[in-house]
Amino acid sequence: MTFHNPNRRLGIYYDKIEANGWYHGVRFSTADVVGFYLGHKKENNVSVVFKGKQVVIGVKGKYEAENGDGVFKINLKLRLKIRFKVWWMKTPKFKPKFDCDLKVPLSVKR
């Protein structure tokens, strides 16, 4: 994931980032990302690894079809706690939520 701050006067504190991986409506993993500050006109790349801990029930047919196509449709939901910094002042925390649809290619050679 790439976080980008295009603003010249505003800094962003990402106090908490919770990333949830969903596969056809079933959450299969959650990952917490270490918080960071993103300054003016800056960009930060963040990597997240999802590891399933259980078999995803009820989507076997969809999994087999996507496995045959070589592309898996994953839904990434982010829950954040952020603050903004303007000059020396910091705002109270906001709790936005983001929803991203991903198409993840199968990386294992068959």
C-alpha atoms as a PDB file:
ATOM      1  CA  MET A   1       0.000   0.000   0.000  1.00  0.00           C
ATOM      2  CA  THR A   2       1.186   3.505  -0.725  1.00  0.00           C
ATOM      3  CA  PHE A   3       0.131   6.394   1.489  1.00  0.00           C
ATOM      4  CA  HIS A   4       0.568   9.785  -0.177  1.00  0.00           C
ATOM      5  CA  ASN A   5       0.193  13.279   1.284  1.00  0.00           C
ATOM      6  CA  PRO A   6      -0.131  15.803  -1.568  1.00  0.00           C
ATOM      7  CA  ASN A   7      -0.652  18.759   0.773  1.00  0.00           C
ATOM      8  CA  ARG A   8       2.030  21.418   1.321  1.00  0.00           C
ATOM      9  CA  ARG A   9       0.778  22.641   4.716  1.00  0.00           C
ATOM     10  CA  LEU A  10      -0.743  19.603   6.363  1.00  0.00           C
ATOM     11  CA  GLY A  11       0.981  16.625   8.004  1.00  0.00           C
ATOM     12  CA  ILE A  12      -0.809  13.384   8.836  1.00  0.00           C
ATOM     13  CA  TYR A  13      -0.268  11.145  11.863  1.00  0.00           C
ATOM     14  CA  TYR A  14      -1.395   7.580  11.191  1.00  0.00           C
ATOM     15  CA  ASP A  15      -1.781   6.480  14.808  1.00  0.00           C
ATOM     16  CA  LYS A  16      -3.385   3.119  14.042  1.00  0.00           C
ATOM     17  CA  ILE A  17      -3.919   1.133  10.860  1.00  0.00           C
ATOM     18  CA  GLU A  18      -5.878  -2.101  10.897  1.00  0.00           C
ATOM     19  CA  ALA A  19      -6.019  -3.978   7.591  1.00  0.00           C
ATOM     20  CA  ASN A  20      -8.609  -6.732   7.104  1.00  0.00           C
ATOM     21  CA  GLY A  21      -8.489  -9.196   4.214  1.00  0.00           C
ATOM     22  CA  TRP A  22     -11.870 -10.443   2.955  1.00  0.00           C
ATOM     23  CA  TYR A  23     -12.555 -13.160   0.402  1.00  0.00           C
ATOM     24  CA  HIS A  24     -16.113 -13.172  -0.999  1.00  0.00           C
ATOM     25  CA  GLY A  25     -17.607 -11.723   2.173  1.00  0.00           C
ATOM     26  CA  VAL A  26     -15.588 -13.818   4.645  1.00  0.00           C
ATOM     27  CA  ARG A  27     -12.751 -12.224   6.631  1.00  0.00           C
ATOM     28  CA  PHE A  28      -9.719 -14.475   6.526  1.00  0.00           C
ATOM     29  CA  SER A  29      -7.030 -12.360   8.208  1.00  0.00           C
ATOM     30  CA  THR A  30      -6.288  -9.125  10.071  1.00  0.00           C
ATOM     31  CA  ALA A  31      -2.970  -7.288  10.223  1.00  0.00           C
ATOM     32  CA  ASP A  32      -1.959  -4.275  12.302  1.00  0.00           C
ATOM     33  CA  VAL A  33       0.451  -1.790  10.750  1.00  0.00           C
ATOM     34  CA  VAL A  34       2.881   0.260  12.826  1.00  0.00           C
ATOM     35  CA  GLY A  35       1.815   3.906  12.928  1.00  0.00           C
ATOM     36  CA  PHE A  36       3.841   6.676  11.309  1.00  0.00           C
ATOM     37  CA  TYR A  37       3.896  10.388  10.479  1.00  0.00           C
ATOM     38  CA  LEU A  38       3.556  11.484   6.868  1.00  0.00           C
ATOM     39  CA  GLY A  39       4.968  14.942   6.248  1.00  0.00           C
ATOM     40  CA  HIS A  40       4.218  17.505   3.562  1.00  0.00           C
ATOM     41  CA  LYS A  41       4.376  16.215  -0.033  1.00  0.00           C
ATOM     42  CA  LYS A  42       5.646  12.838   1.198  1.00  0.00           C
ATOM     43  CA  GLU A  43       4.863   9.222   0.367  1.00  0.00           C
ATOM     44  CA  ASN A  44       5.235   6.032   2.422  1.00  0.00           C
ATOM     45  CA  ASN A  45       5.053   2.444   1.179  1.00  0.00           C
ATOM     46  CA  VAL A  46       3.682  -0.087   3.654  1.00  0.00           C
ATOM     47  CA  SER A  47       3.708  -3.861   3.238  1.00  0.00           C
ATOM     48  CA  VAL A  48       1.162  -6.131   4.859  1.00  0.00           C
ATOM     49  CA  VAL A  49       1.199  -9.929   4.918  1.00  0.00           C
ATOM     50  CA  PHE A  50      -2.065 -11.762   5.412  1.00  0.00           C
ATOM     51  CA  LYS A  51      -1.937 -15.288   6.726  1.00  0.00           C
ATOM     52  CA  GLY A  52      -5.107 -17.341   6.828  1.00  0.00           C
ATOM     53  CA  LYS A  53      -5.621 -19.232  10.052  1.00  0.00           C
ATOM     54  CA  GLN A  54      -8.584 -21.300   8.994  1.00  0.00           C
ATOM     55  CA  VAL A  55     -10.290 -22.666   5.924  1.00  0.00           C
ATOM     56  CA  VAL A  56     -12.681 -20.149   4.360  1.00  0.00           C
ATOM     57  CA  ILE A  57     -16.040 -21.904   4.459  1.00  0.00           C
ATOM     58  CA  GLY A  58     -18.631 -21.617   1.694  1.00  0.00           C
ATOM     59  CA  VAL A  59     -16.487 -20.265  -1.140  1.00  0.00           C
ATOM     60  CA  LYS A  60     -14.866 -23.433  -2.484  1.00  0.00           C
ATOM     61  CA  GLY A  61     -16.478 -23.098  -5.923  1.00  0.00           C
ATOM     62  CA  LYS A  62     -15.406 -19.468  -6.274  1.00  0.00           C
ATOM     63  CA  TYR A  63     -11.886 -20.359  -5.126  1.00  0.00           C
ATOM     64  CA  GLU A  64     -11.593 -23.153  -7.692  1.00  0.00           C
ATOM     65  CA  ALA A  65     -12.859 -20.879 -10.499  1.00  0.00           C
ATOM     66  CA  GLU A  66     -10.447 -18.074  -9.579  1.00  0.00           C
ATOM     67  CA  ASN A  67      -7.598 -20.547  -9.147  1.00  0.00           C
ATOM     68  CA  GLY A  68      -8.243 -21.684 -12.717  1.00  0.00           C
ATOM     69  CA  ASP A  69      -8.267 -18.070 -13.961  1.00  0.00           C
ATOM     70  CA  GLY A  70      -5.050 -17.285 -12.044  1.00  0.00           C
ATOM     71  CA  VAL A  71      -6.453 -14.157 -10.334  1.00  0.00           C
ATOM     72  CA  PHE A  72      -8.027 -13.943  -6.861  1.00  0.00           C
ATOM     73  CA  LYS A  73     -10.470 -11.178  -5.929  1.00  0.00           C
ATOM     74  CA  ILE A  74      -9.619  -9.900  -2.451  1.00  0.00           C
ATOM     75  CA  ASN A  75     -11.368  -7.081  -0.606  1.00  0.00           C
ATOM     76  CA  LEU A  76      -9.095  -4.980   1.624  1.00  0.00           C
ATOM     77  CA  LYS A  77     -10.768  -2.967   4.369  1.00  0.00           C
ATOM     78  CA  LEU A  78      -8.720  -0.407   6.291  1.00  0.00           C
ATOM     79  CA  ARG A  79      -9.711   1.091   9.640  1.00  0.00           C
ATOM     80  CA  LEU A  80      -7.584   4.049  10.651  1.00  0.00           C
ATOM     81  CA  LYS A  81      -7.035   6.467  13.500  1.00  0.00           C
ATOM     82  CA  ILE A  82      -5.478   9.616  12.104  1.00  0.00           C
ATOM     83  CA  ARG A  83      -4.690  13.168  13.191  1.00  0.00           C
ATOM     84  CA  PHE A  84      -3.720  16.184  11.142  1.00  0.00           C
ATOM     85  CA  LYS A  85      -0.930  18.600  11.981  1.00  0.00           C
ATOM     86  CA  VAL A  86      -1.226  22.207  10.818  1.00  0.00           C
ATOM     87  CA  TRP A  87       1.766  24.333  11.829  1.00  0.00           C
ATOM     88  CA  TRP A  88       2.085  23.462  15.551  1.00  0.00           C
ATOM     89  CA  MET A  89      -1.533  22.356  16.166  1.00  0.00           C
ATOM     90  CA  LYS A  90      -2.823  18.792  16.012  1.00  0.00           C
ATOM     91  CA  THR A  91      -6.463  17.925  15.415  1.00  0.00           C
ATOM     92  CA  PRO A  92      -8.439  15.341  17.380  1.00  0.00           C
ATOM     93  CA  LYS A  93      -8.390  11.786  16.034  1.00  0.00           C
ATOM     94  CA  PHE A  94     -10.562  10.812  13.084  1.00  0.00           C
ATOM     95  CA  LYS A  95     -11.607   7.239  12.362  1.00  0.00           C
ATOM     96  CA  PRO A  96     -12.028   6.866   8.587  1.00  0.00           C
ATOM     97  CA  LYS A  97     -12.652   3.538   6.874  1.00  0.00           C
ATOM     98  CA  PHE A  98     -11.508   2.585   3.385  1.00  0.00           C
ATOM     99  CA  ASP A  99     -12.560  -0.283   1.151  1.00  0.00           C
ATOM    100  CA  CYS A 100     -10.319  -1.463  -1.732  1.00  0.00           C
ATOM    101  CA  ASP A 101     -11.030  -4.175  -4.275  1.00  0.00           C
ATOM    102  CA  LEU A 102      -7.860  -6.021  -5.298  1.00  0.00           C
ATOM    103  CA  LYS A 103      -7.113  -8.534  -8.016  1.00  0.00           C
ATOM    104  CA  VAL A 104      -4.196 -10.636  -6.817  1.00  0.00           C
ATOM    105  CA  PRO A 105      -2.430 -12.767  -9.459  1.00  0.00           C
ATOM    106  CA  LEU A 106      -1.570 -16.349  -8.638  1.00  0.00           C
ATOM    107  CA  SER A 107       2.202 -16.375  -8.146  1.00  0.00           C
ATOM    108  CA  VAL A 108       2.757 -20.146  -7.887  1.00  0.00           C
ATOM    109  CA  LYS A 109       3.749 -21.896 -11.112  1.00  0.00           C
ATOM    110  CA  ARG A 110       1.526 -24.862 -11.937  1.00  0.00           C
END
